Amino acid sequence: MAVRSPLIGVFYEAPAPDAVPFVEVGDVVAEGQTVCIIEAMKVFNEIKAEWRGRVVAIPAENGALVQAGDPLVVLAFLSAEAPGAA
């Protein structure tokens, strides 16, 4: 499942150009963890994961314009947490 952009803006994978990215493919993120930033009208909006999972892809390109609804970070549910898992 993808964490999608809630607004139009510029996607940033890190809090600063020389900083470590918020997440990388293979990372496990917690619900509420910041996964990226979207800059819109000079306001930096932290985008947070809505569920816990493993990062399997980051389709957005750093510094690129994204539209509302675009996938930013794709997370896979961890097996014990997948809907319908026992």
N, C-alpha and C. Protein backbone atom coordinates (compact mmCIF):
# COMPACT_ATOMS: atom_id res chain seq x y z
N MET A 1 0.84 -1.18 0.00
CA MET A 1 0.00 0.00 0.00
C MET A 1 0.89 1.24 0.00
N ALA A 2 0.43 2.24 -0.69
CA ALA A 2 1.25 3.44 -0.86
C ALA A 2 0.85 4.55 0.11
N VAL A 3 1.85 5.24 0.61
CA VAL A 3 1.64 6.51 1.29
C VAL A 3 1.55 7.52 0.16
N ARG A 4 0.41 8.20 0.05
CA ARG A 4 0.16 9.10 -1.08
C ARG A 4 0.27 10.56 -0.66
N SER A 5 0.60 11.38 -1.62
CA SER A 5 0.71 12.81 -1.35
C SER A 5 -0.67 13.40 -1.10
N PRO A 6 -0.83 14.14 -0.01
CA PRO A 6 -2.12 14.78 0.26
C PRO A 6 -2.28 16.12 -0.46
N LEU A 7 -1.21 16.59 -1.12
CA LEU A 7 -1.26 17.89 -1.77
C LEU A 7 -0.25 17.97 -2.90
N ILE A 8 -0.35 19.01 -3.70
CA ILE A 8 0.61 19.28 -4.76
C ILE A 8 1.82 19.98 -4.14
N GLY A 9 3.01 19.53 -4.49
CA GLY A 9 4.21 20.17 -3.97
C GLY A 9 5.46 19.43 -4.42
N VAL A 10 6.58 19.80 -3.84
CA VAL A 10 7.87 19.19 -4.18
C VAL A 10 8.21 18.14 -3.12
N PHE A 11 8.55 16.95 -3.60
CA PHE A 11 8.88 15.81 -2.73
C PHE A 11 10.34 15.89 -2.32
N TYR A 12 10.58 15.74 -1.02
CA TYR A 12 11.95 15.65 -0.50
C TYR A 12 12.07 14.40 0.37
N GLU A 13 13.10 13.62 0.12
CA GLU A 13 13.30 12.38 0.87
C GLU A 13 14.07 12.59 2.17
N ALA A 14 14.61 13.78 2.38
CA ALA A 14 15.41 14.08 3.58
C ALA A 14 15.08 15.48 4.07
N PRO A 15 15.36 15.77 5.33
CA PRO A 15 15.05 17.09 5.87
C PRO A 15 15.97 18.21 5.37
N ALA A 16 17.11 17.85 4.78
CA ALA A 16 18.06 18.82 4.24
C ALA A 16 18.84 18.13 3.12
N PRO A 17 19.41 18.91 2.20
CA PRO A 17 20.14 18.29 1.08
C PRO A 17 21.27 17.35 1.50
N ASP A 18 21.94 17.64 2.61
CA ASP A 18 23.06 16.81 3.05
C ASP A 18 22.69 15.82 4.15
N ALA A 19 21.39 15.70 4.44
CA ALA A 19 20.92 14.82 5.52
C ALA A 19 20.60 13.42 4.99
N VAL A 20 20.55 12.48 5.90
CA VAL A 20 20.16 11.10 5.59
C VAL A 20 18.67 11.08 5.27
N PRO A 21 18.24 10.30 4.27
CA PRO A 21 16.80 10.21 3.96
C PRO A 21 15.99 9.73 5.15
N PHE A 22 14.73 10.15 5.21
CA PHE A 22 13.84 9.70 6.28
C PHE A 22 13.71 8.18 6.27
N VAL A 23 13.54 7.60 5.07
CA VAL A 23 13.42 6.15 4.93
C VAL A 23 14.13 5.70 3.66
N GLU A 24 14.51 4.43 3.65
CA GLU A 24 15.13 3.81 2.47
C GLU A 24 14.45 2.47 2.26
N VAL A 25 14.54 1.95 1.04
CA VAL A 25 13.96 0.64 0.74
C VAL A 25 14.55 -0.39 1.71
N GLY A 26 13.66 -1.18 2.31
CA GLY A 26 14.07 -2.20 3.28
C GLY A 26 13.83 -1.78 4.72
N ASP A 27 13.69 -0.49 4.98
CA ASP A 27 13.43 -0.01 6.34
C ASP A 27 12.04 -0.44 6.81
N VAL A 28 11.91 -0.67 8.10
CA VAL A 28 10.60 -0.88 8.72
C VAL A 28 10.21 0.43 9.38
N VAL A 29 9.02 0.92 9.04
CA VAL A 29 8.55 2.19 9.60
C VAL A 29 7.39 1.95 10.55
N ALA A 30 7.29 2.80 11.54
CA ALA A 30 6.21 2.74 12.51
C ALA A 30 5.06 3.63 12.06
N GLU A 31 3.88 3.31 12.51
CA GLU A 31 2.74 4.17 12.26
C GLU A 31 3.05 5.55 12.84
N GLY A 32 2.84 6.60 12.05
CA GLY A 32 3.11 7.95 12.50
C GLY A 32 4.52 8.44 12.25
N GLN A 33 5.38 7.58 11.73
CA GLN A 33 6.77 7.98 11.43
C GLN A 33 6.81 8.81 10.17
N THR A 34 7.59 9.87 10.18
CA THR A 34 7.77 10.71 8.99
C THR A 34 8.52 9.92 7.92
N VAL A 35 7.96 9.92 6.69
CA VAL A 35 8.60 9.19 5.59
C VAL A 35 9.16 10.13 4.52
N CYS A 36 8.69 11.38 4.51
CA CYS A 36 9.19 12.36 3.55
C CYS A 36 8.61 13.73 3.89
N ILE A 37 8.97 14.71 3.08
CA ILE A 37 8.45 16.08 3.23
C ILE A 37 7.92 16.52 1.86
N ILE A 38 6.80 17.23 1.88
CA ILE A 38 6.28 17.88 0.68
C ILE A 38 6.32 19.38 0.94
N GLU A 39 7.01 20.11 0.06
CA GLU A 39 7.06 21.57 0.17
C GLU A 39 5.98 22.15 -0.73
N ALA A 40 5.11 22.94 -0.12
CA ALA A 40 4.06 23.61 -0.88
C ALA A 40 3.98 25.05 -0.40
N MET A 41 4.18 25.99 -1.31
CA MET A 41 4.12 27.42 -0.99
C MET A 41 5.05 27.78 0.16
N LYS A 42 6.27 27.24 0.11
CA LYS A 42 7.34 27.49 1.09
C LYS A 42 7.03 26.95 2.49
N VAL A 43 6.04 26.07 2.58
CA VAL A 43 5.72 25.39 3.83
C VAL A 43 6.14 23.93 3.67
N PHE A 44 6.91 23.42 4.63
CA PHE A 44 7.38 22.04 4.58
C PHE A 44 6.43 21.18 5.41
N ASN A 45 5.75 20.26 4.74
CA ASN A 45 4.75 19.39 5.37
C ASN A 45 5.32 18.00 5.54
N GLU A 46 5.43 17.54 6.79
CA GLU A 46 5.90 16.18 7.04
C GLU A 46 4.79 15.21 6.68
N ILE A 47 5.14 14.18 5.90
CA ILE A 47 4.18 13.15 5.53
C ILE A 47 4.52 11.92 6.36
N LYS A 48 3.52 11.41 7.05
CA LYS A 48 3.73 10.32 8.00
C LYS A 48 3.07 9.04 7.51
N ALA A 49 3.65 7.91 7.89
CA ALA A 49 3.06 6.60 7.57
C ALA A 49 1.78 6.43 8.38
N GLU A 50 0.77 5.89 7.75
CA GLU A 50 -0.50 5.66 8.43
C GLU A 50 -0.59 4.26 9.03
N TRP A 51 0.41 3.43 8.75
CA TRP A 51 0.45 2.07 9.28
C TRP A 51 1.91 1.62 9.35
N ARG A 52 2.14 0.54 10.06
CA ARG A 52 3.49 -0.01 10.19
C ARG A 52 3.76 -0.94 9.02
N GLY A 53 4.95 -0.86 8.46
CA GLY A 53 5.28 -1.75 7.35
C GLY A 53 6.72 -1.58 6.90
N ARG A 54 7.08 -2.38 5.90
CA ARG A 54 8.44 -2.34 5.34
C ARG A 54 8.40 -1.55 4.03
N VAL A 55 9.35 -0.64 3.85
CA VAL A 55 9.44 0.15 2.62
C VAL A 55 9.90 -0.78 1.49
N VAL A 56 9.06 -0.88 0.44
CA VAL A 56 9.42 -1.73 -0.69
C VAL A 56 9.75 -0.91 -1.94
N ALA A 57 9.34 0.36 -1.96
CA ALA A 57 9.65 1.21 -3.12
C ALA A 57 9.45 2.67 -2.72
N ILE A 58 10.19 3.54 -3.40
CA ILE A 58 10.02 4.99 -3.26
C ILE A 58 9.90 5.53 -4.68
N PRO A 59 8.66 5.52 -5.22
CA PRO A 59 8.48 5.91 -6.61
C PRO A 59 8.68 7.40 -6.90
N ALA A 60 8.51 8.24 -5.90
CA ALA A 60 8.70 9.68 -6.10
C ALA A 60 10.19 10.00 -6.20
N GLU A 61 10.52 10.93 -7.06
CA GLU A 61 11.92 11.33 -7.25
C GLU A 61 12.23 12.55 -6.39
N ASN A 62 13.35 12.51 -5.68
CA ASN A 62 13.73 13.61 -4.81
C ASN A 62 13.80 14.93 -5.60
N GLY A 63 13.13 15.96 -5.09
CA GLY A 63 13.13 17.26 -5.74
C GLY A 63 12.10 17.42 -6.85
N ALA A 64 11.31 16.37 -7.09
CA ALA A 64 10.33 16.42 -8.17
C ALA A 64 8.97 16.90 -7.67
N LEU A 65 8.22 17.52 -8.57
CA LEU A 65 6.86 17.95 -8.27
C LEU A 65 5.96 16.72 -8.23
N VAL A 66 5.14 16.62 -7.20
CA VAL A 66 4.16 15.54 -7.10
C VAL A 66 2.77 16.15 -7.02
N GLN A 67 1.80 15.37 -7.47
CA GLN A 67 0.40 15.79 -7.45
C GLN A 67 -0.30 15.13 -6.27
N ALA A 68 -1.41 15.70 -5.83
CA ALA A 68 -2.21 15.08 -4.79
C ALA A 68 -2.62 13.69 -5.26
N GLY A 69 -2.40 12.69 -4.41
CA GLY A 69 -2.74 11.31 -4.74
C GLY A 69 -1.60 10.50 -5.30
N ASP A 70 -0.49 11.14 -5.67
CA ASP A 70 0.66 10.39 -6.20
C ASP A 70 1.26 9.52 -5.10
N PRO A 71 1.70 8.31 -5.45
CA PRO A 71 2.38 7.46 -4.45
C PRO A 71 3.77 8.02 -4.15
N LEU A 72 4.09 8.12 -2.89
CA LEU A 72 5.38 8.64 -2.46
C LEU A 72 6.30 7.52 -1.98
N VAL A 73 5.76 6.70 -1.09
CA VAL A 73 6.49 5.58 -0.50
C VAL A 73 5.54 4.39 -0.46
N VAL A 74 6.00 3.23 -0.93
CA VAL A 74 5.17 2.03 -0.92
C VAL A 74 5.61 1.15 0.25
N LEU A 75 4.64 0.80 1.08
CA LEU A 75 4.90 -0.04 2.25
C LEU A 75 4.21 -1.39 2.09
N ALA A 76 4.86 -2.44 2.54
CA ALA A 76 4.26 -3.77 2.61
C ALA A 76 3.94 -4.04 4.08
N PHE A 77 2.74 -4.55 4.31
CA PHE A 77 2.41 -4.96 5.68
C PHE A 77 3.37 -6.06 6.09
N LEU A 78 3.74 -6.07 7.34
CA LEU A 78 4.54 -7.17 7.86
C LEU A 78 3.60 -8.36 8.01
N SER A 79 4.06 -9.58 7.74
CA SER A 79 3.19 -10.75 7.61
C SER A 79 2.20 -10.91 8.76
N ALA A 80 2.60 -10.71 9.98
CA ALA A 80 1.69 -10.89 11.11
C ALA A 80 0.66 -9.77 11.22
N GLU A 81 0.87 -8.68 10.48
CA GLU A 81 -0.02 -7.54 10.58
C GLU A 81 -0.90 -7.36 9.35
N ALA A 82 -0.72 -8.20 8.35
CA ALA A 82 -1.51 -8.06 7.13
C ALA A 82 -2.98 -8.30 7.44
N PRO A 83 -3.86 -7.55 6.77
CA PRO A 83 -5.29 -7.77 6.99
C PRO A 83 -5.64 -9.24 6.74
N GLY A 84 -6.36 -9.83 7.68
CA GLY A 84 -6.76 -11.23 7.54
C GLY A 84 -5.75 -12.23 8.07
N ALA A 85 -4.58 -11.76 8.54
CA ALA A 85 -3.57 -12.66 9.09
C ALA A 85 -4.00 -13.13 10.47
N ALA A 86 -3.64 -14.34 10.79
CA ALA A 86 -4.02 -14.90 12.10
C ALA A 86 -2.95 -14.60 13.11
